[in-house]
Amino acid sequence: MPNTILMCKPESLTSDNGVDVERAQKQWQSLYDTYVRVLGWDVRLVEPTPGLSGMTFASHHALMLDSKIVLSRLTSPTQQAETDAYESWFRSAGYHDFYKPDFAFAGESEALIWNDALIVAKRPGNEAADYEAIADFLNVRLIELELSDPRYRLDTVLSVIDAQTITIYPPAFTEKSLDTLYVKVPDVIEADEADTFAYGLNAISDGEHIMMSDQVRGLREEYRTRSLVVHVTPLTEFHKRGASVKSLGLELRI
């Protein structure tokens, strides 16, 4: 489970969607400090590039397992430049095993590692995505789900908690996908609407500790009853950009 995280300071973040940039930078620093000073995780930093505000959303730019890196293929030139900056970081750090899909792909925002499986979710509009090719590259089995609405994104409606447990927001998935999850996953926690829309599932867990937004209520207590140590931090400025804990840190599974 994760204890090495790749992040990027929000120095190039803009005020789009009403974001208070100064406040966002303080919130990001609080998250970083919790990882380093409280959890003792190894946090590595990508140098922000002026003009590339999306670089702070690290998990949207790649997916990594056993030092193999799947790079994102994003739709706009600016977004692709952000992913290119991450590729440069990986190469300078000595990584060399890369795969870039020939279809639109946004890293851990739409594909999550759970044990020896890659969990993905097709949604209306991305039916052509060939996730099998990604699973083959990573040498893992594929669990393919389907989202019920294109407005949902996998990393905001599903969290990997530990080797036995995931958390989901059930209305985000089709009935067939829910059946698949309940067959394949021993322990499924169901989040309510309030916690989901407070970005409670955009979280990171190492199986003993979980880092999440301080806006979450029900899940916080649920995890504590399961002996998870819950850490919360304010990330409301990033919520305005559809992001929270998970989006701000790419898990380096070396």
Protein backbone atom coordinates (compact mmCIF):
# COMPACT_ATOMS: atom_id res chain seq x y z
CA MET A 1 0.00 0.00 0.00
CA PRO A 2 1.20 3.56 -0.64
CA ASN A 3 3.94 5.21 1.36
CA THR A 4 5.74 6.95 -1.50
CA ILE A 5 3.85 9.82 -3.11
CA LEU A 6 4.68 12.13 -6.00
CA MET A 7 3.31 15.67 -5.71
CA CYS A 8 3.64 19.06 -7.36
CA LYS A 9 3.34 22.37 -5.53
CA PRO A 10 0.42 24.48 -6.79
CA GLU A 11 2.63 27.43 -7.68
CA SER A 12 1.09 27.69 -11.16
CA LEU A 13 -2.49 27.17 -9.96
CA THR A 14 -4.94 29.74 -11.33
CA SER A 15 -8.13 31.22 -9.92
CA ASP A 16 -10.34 29.29 -12.35
CA ASN A 17 -13.65 28.16 -10.82
CA GLY A 18 -13.25 30.76 -8.08
CA VAL A 19 -10.19 29.15 -6.50
CA ASP A 20 -8.44 31.26 -3.85
CA VAL A 21 -4.87 30.49 -4.91
CA GLU A 22 -3.19 31.62 -1.69
CA ARG A 23 -5.57 29.54 0.39
CA ALA A 24 -5.12 26.56 -1.92
CA GLN A 25 -1.36 26.73 -1.51
CA LYS A 26 -1.74 26.68 2.28
CA GLN A 27 -4.11 23.70 2.06
CA TRP A 28 -1.67 21.83 -0.18
CA GLN A 29 1.15 22.51 2.28
CA SER A 30 -0.94 21.15 5.15
CA LEU A 31 -1.51 17.93 3.19
CA TYR A 32 2.19 17.65 2.40
CA ASP A 33 3.16 18.27 6.03
CA THR A 34 0.78 15.55 7.23
CA TYR A 35 2.34 13.03 4.87
CA VAL A 36 5.90 13.90 5.88
CA ARG A 37 5.69 14.87 9.55
CA VAL A 38 2.77 12.76 10.80
CA LEU A 39 2.70 9.69 8.56
CA GLY A 40 6.40 9.60 7.72
CA TRP A 41 5.71 8.92 4.05
CA ASP A 42 8.29 9.60 1.36
CA VAL A 43 7.01 12.52 -0.69
CA ARG A 44 8.84 13.38 -3.89
CA LEU A 45 8.26 16.59 -5.80
CA VAL A 46 7.90 17.46 -9.46
CA GLU A 47 9.07 20.99 -10.27
CA PRO A 48 6.01 23.05 -11.34
CA THR A 49 6.14 24.58 -14.81
CA PRO A 50 4.88 28.16 -15.19
CA GLY A 51 1.58 28.25 -17.01
CA LEU A 52 0.73 24.58 -16.40
CA SER A 53 -1.76 24.85 -13.55
CA GLY A 54 -2.96 21.24 -13.79
CA MET A 55 0.43 19.82 -12.78
CA THR A 56 -0.63 19.94 -9.13
CA PHE A 57 -3.19 17.20 -9.88
CA ALA A 58 -0.44 14.59 -9.96
CA SER A 59 -2.52 11.43 -10.11
CA HIS A 60 -4.23 12.58 -13.32
CA HIS A 61 -0.98 12.30 -15.26
CA ALA A 62 0.17 8.70 -14.79
CA LEU A 63 -0.35 5.30 -13.22
CA MET A 64 2.56 3.31 -11.77
CA LEU A 65 3.10 -0.30 -10.69
CA ASP A 66 6.39 -2.18 -10.19
CA SER A 67 8.27 0.76 -11.73
CA LYS A 68 6.17 0.47 -14.91
CA ILE A 69 4.55 3.77 -15.83
CA VAL A 70 1.41 4.32 -17.86
CA LEU A 71 1.40 7.93 -19.02
CA SER A 72 -1.82 9.85 -19.52
CA ARG A 73 -3.01 10.94 -22.92
CA LEU A 74 -5.04 14.09 -22.33
CA THR A 75 -7.12 16.09 -24.73
CA SER A 76 -5.67 19.60 -24.77
CA PRO A 77 -2.11 20.66 -25.64
CA THR A 78 -1.74 22.28 -22.22
CA GLN A 79 -2.79 19.13 -20.39
CA GLN A 80 -0.48 17.03 -22.52
CA ALA A 81 2.39 19.39 -21.73
CA GLU A 82 1.69 18.73 -18.05
CA THR A 83 1.95 14.98 -18.60
CA ASP A 84 5.15 15.52 -20.60
CA ALA A 85 6.63 17.28 -17.57
CA TYR A 86 5.84 14.22 -15.45
CA GLU A 87 7.43 11.96 -18.05
CA SER A 88 10.57 14.09 -17.90
CA TRP A 89 10.65 13.73 -14.11
CA PHE A 90 10.32 9.96 -14.33
CA ARG A 91 13.08 9.71 -16.93
CA SER A 92 15.42 11.91 -14.90
CA ALA A 93 14.70 9.70 -11.87
CA GLY A 94 15.90 6.66 -13.81
CA TYR A 95 12.65 5.07 -14.94
CA HIS A 96 12.52 3.74 -18.48
CA ASP A 97 9.53 1.38 -18.83
CA PHE A 98 6.69 3.50 -20.22
CA TYR A 99 3.40 2.94 -22.01
CA LYS A 100 1.13 5.61 -23.45
CA PRO A 101 -2.33 4.47 -24.59
CA ASP A 102 -3.59 5.45 -28.03
CA PHE A 103 -6.87 6.57 -26.47
CA ALA A 104 -7.73 9.34 -24.00
CA PHE A 105 -6.56 8.31 -20.56
CA ALA A 106 -6.20 10.30 -17.32
CA GLY A 107 -4.06 8.15 -15.05
CA GLU A 108 -5.30 7.27 -11.59
CA SER A 109 -8.38 9.41 -12.03
CA GLU A 110 -9.85 6.56 -14.09
CA ALA A 111 -7.80 3.48 -13.23
CA LEU A 112 -6.91 2.21 -9.74
CA ILE A 113 -4.66 -0.61 -8.56
CA TRP A 114 -6.15 -3.07 -6.08
CA ASN A 115 -3.95 -6.06 -5.20
CA ASP A 116 -3.10 -7.76 -8.51
CA ALA A 117 -5.93 -6.06 -10.38
CA LEU A 118 -6.54 -2.89 -12.34
CA ILE A 119 -9.98 -1.45 -11.60
CA VAL A 120 -11.31 0.75 -14.40
CA ALA A 121 -14.68 2.21 -15.23
CA LYS A 122 -16.03 2.88 -18.67
CA ARG A 123 -18.55 5.66 -18.96
CA PRO A 124 -20.71 7.05 -21.75
CA GLY A 125 -18.27 8.64 -24.15
CA ASN A 126 -15.16 6.52 -23.52
CA GLU A 127 -16.39 3.14 -24.74
CA ALA A 128 -13.38 2.82 -27.07
CA ALA A 129 -10.87 2.79 -24.21
CA ASP A 130 -8.73 -0.36 -24.42
CA TYR A 131 -7.98 -0.93 -20.75
CA GLU A 132 -6.93 -4.51 -21.49
CA ALA A 133 -3.76 -3.14 -23.10
CA ILE A 134 -2.92 -1.25 -19.91
CA ALA A 135 -3.55 -4.32 -17.77
CA ASP A 136 -1.34 -6.41 -20.05
CA PHE A 137 1.48 -3.86 -19.81
CA LEU A 138 1.24 -3.87 -16.00
CA ASN A 139 0.80 -7.67 -15.91
CA VAL A 140 -2.36 -7.52 -13.81
CA ARG A 141 -5.90 -8.79 -14.22
CA LEU A 142 -8.60 -6.36 -15.29
CA ILE A 143 -11.78 -5.52 -13.39
CA GLU A 144 -13.84 -3.45 -15.79
CA LEU A 145 -16.81 -1.55 -14.44
CA GLU A 146 -19.25 0.90 -15.98
CA LEU A 147 -20.28 4.26 -14.59
CA SER A 148 -23.94 5.16 -14.70
CA ASP A 149 -23.35 8.79 -15.68
CA PRO A 150 -20.50 10.52 -17.61
CA ARG A 151 -20.28 13.17 -14.89
CA TYR A 152 -18.80 10.65 -12.48
CA ARG A 153 -15.05 9.95 -12.32
CA LEU A 154 -13.70 6.72 -10.85
CA ASP A 155 -11.38 8.34 -8.29
CA THR A 156 -14.29 10.27 -6.78
CA VAL A 157 -16.67 7.29 -6.46
CA LEU A 158 -14.30 4.44 -5.51
CA SER A 159 -11.50 4.26 -2.93
CA VAL A 160 -9.05 1.42 -2.38
CA ILE A 161 -8.76 0.94 1.40
CA ASP A 162 -6.78 -2.28 1.82
CA ALA A 163 -6.30 -5.74 0.34
CA GLN A 164 -9.83 -6.77 1.33
CA THR A 165 -11.74 -3.51 1.24
CA ILE A 166 -12.91 -0.81 -1.12
CA THR A 167 -15.38 2.03 -0.64
CA ILE A 168 -17.88 2.93 -3.35
CA TYR A 169 -20.74 5.29 -4.05
CA PRO A 170 -23.30 2.77 -5.39
CA PRO A 171 -25.42 5.12 -7.55
CA ALA A 172 -22.34 5.87 -9.66
CA PHE A 173 -22.24 2.32 -11.05
CA THR A 174 -24.51 0.19 -13.18
CA GLU A 175 -26.24 -2.80 -11.57
CA LYS A 176 -23.97 -5.18 -13.46
CA SER A 177 -20.90 -3.38 -12.16
CA LEU A 178 -22.18 -3.50 -8.59
CA ASP A 179 -22.70 -7.24 -8.94
CA THR A 180 -19.11 -7.57 -10.18
CA LEU A 181 -17.72 -5.61 -7.25
CA TYR A 182 -19.62 -7.58 -4.64
CA VAL A 183 -18.41 -10.86 -6.14
CA LYS A 184 -14.76 -9.89 -6.47
CA VAL A 185 -14.22 -7.72 -3.38
CA PRO A 186 -14.61 -9.31 0.07
CA ASP A 187 -15.54 -6.10 1.89
CA VAL A 188 -17.38 -3.24 0.20
CA ILE A 189 -18.19 -0.08 2.14
CA GLU A 190 -20.98 2.08 0.78
CA ALA A 191 -20.60 5.86 1.00
CA ASP A 192 -23.58 8.19 1.08
CA GLU A 193 -24.20 11.15 -1.19
CA ALA A 194 -23.00 13.77 1.30
CA ASP A 195 -19.59 12.17 1.81
CA THR A 196 -19.19 11.43 -1.90
CA PHE A 197 -19.86 15.01 -2.95
CA ALA A 198 -17.50 16.19 -0.19
CA TYR A 199 -14.83 14.26 -2.13
CA GLY A 200 -14.60 11.67 0.64
CA LEU A 201 -13.68 8.91 -1.81
CA ASN A 202 -10.87 10.93 -3.38
CA ALA A 203 -8.63 9.66 -0.57
CA ILE A 204 -5.41 7.70 -0.05
CA SER A 205 -5.04 4.76 2.34
CA ASP A 206 -2.07 2.56 3.23
CA GLY A 207 -4.31 0.01 4.95
CA GLU A 208 -3.62 1.40 8.41
CA HIS A 209 -4.00 5.15 7.86
CA ILE A 210 -6.32 7.03 5.55
CA MET A 211 -5.93 10.64 4.42
CA MET A 212 -9.10 12.46 3.44
CA SER A 213 -10.89 15.81 3.24
CA ASP A 214 -12.07 17.32 6.51
CA GLN A 215 -15.52 17.82 4.96
CA VAL A 216 -16.27 14.09 5.28
CA ARG A 217 -18.42 12.91 8.19
CA GLY A 218 -19.98 9.45 7.93
CA LEU A 219 -17.00 7.69 6.37
CA ARG A 220 -14.70 9.17 8.97
CA GLU A 221 -16.59 7.35 11.72
CA GLU A 222 -17.00 4.18 9.64
CA TYR A 223 -13.25 3.91 9.12
CA ARG A 224 -12.54 4.48 12.80
CA THR A 225 -14.82 1.58 13.74
CA ARG A 226 -12.62 -0.54 11.45
CA SER A 227 -9.46 0.54 13.31
CA LEU A 228 -8.23 2.78 10.51
CA VAL A 229 -6.39 5.88 11.73
CA VAL A 230 -8.15 8.77 10.01
CA HIS A 231 -6.28 11.94 9.09
CA VAL A 232 -8.19 14.90 7.67
CA THR A 233 -7.16 18.20 6.16
CA PRO A 234 -9.04 21.10 4.53
CA LEU A 235 -8.94 21.00 0.73
CA THR A 236 -12.02 23.01 -0.15
CA GLU A 237 -10.20 25.14 -2.75
CA PHE A 238 -9.25 22.01 -4.67
CA HIS A 239 -12.83 20.74 -4.44
CA LYS A 240 -13.71 23.66 -6.70
CA ARG A 241 -11.56 21.97 -9.35
CA GLY A 242 -13.10 18.54 -8.76
CA ALA A 243 -10.15 17.29 -6.72
CA SER A 244 -9.04 16.31 -3.24
CA VAL A 245 -6.41 14.12 -1.57
CA LYS A 246 -6.12 11.42 -4.24
CA SER A 247 -5.85 13.87 -7.11
CA LEU A 248 -2.98 15.71 -5.45
CA GLY A 249 -0.71 12.68 -5.01
CA LEU A 250 0.43 10.01 -7.46
CA GLU A 251 1.19 6.72 -5.70
CA LEU A 252 4.67 5.48 -6.63
CA ARG A 253 4.47 1.70 -6.50
CA ILE A 254 8.14 0.90 -7.01
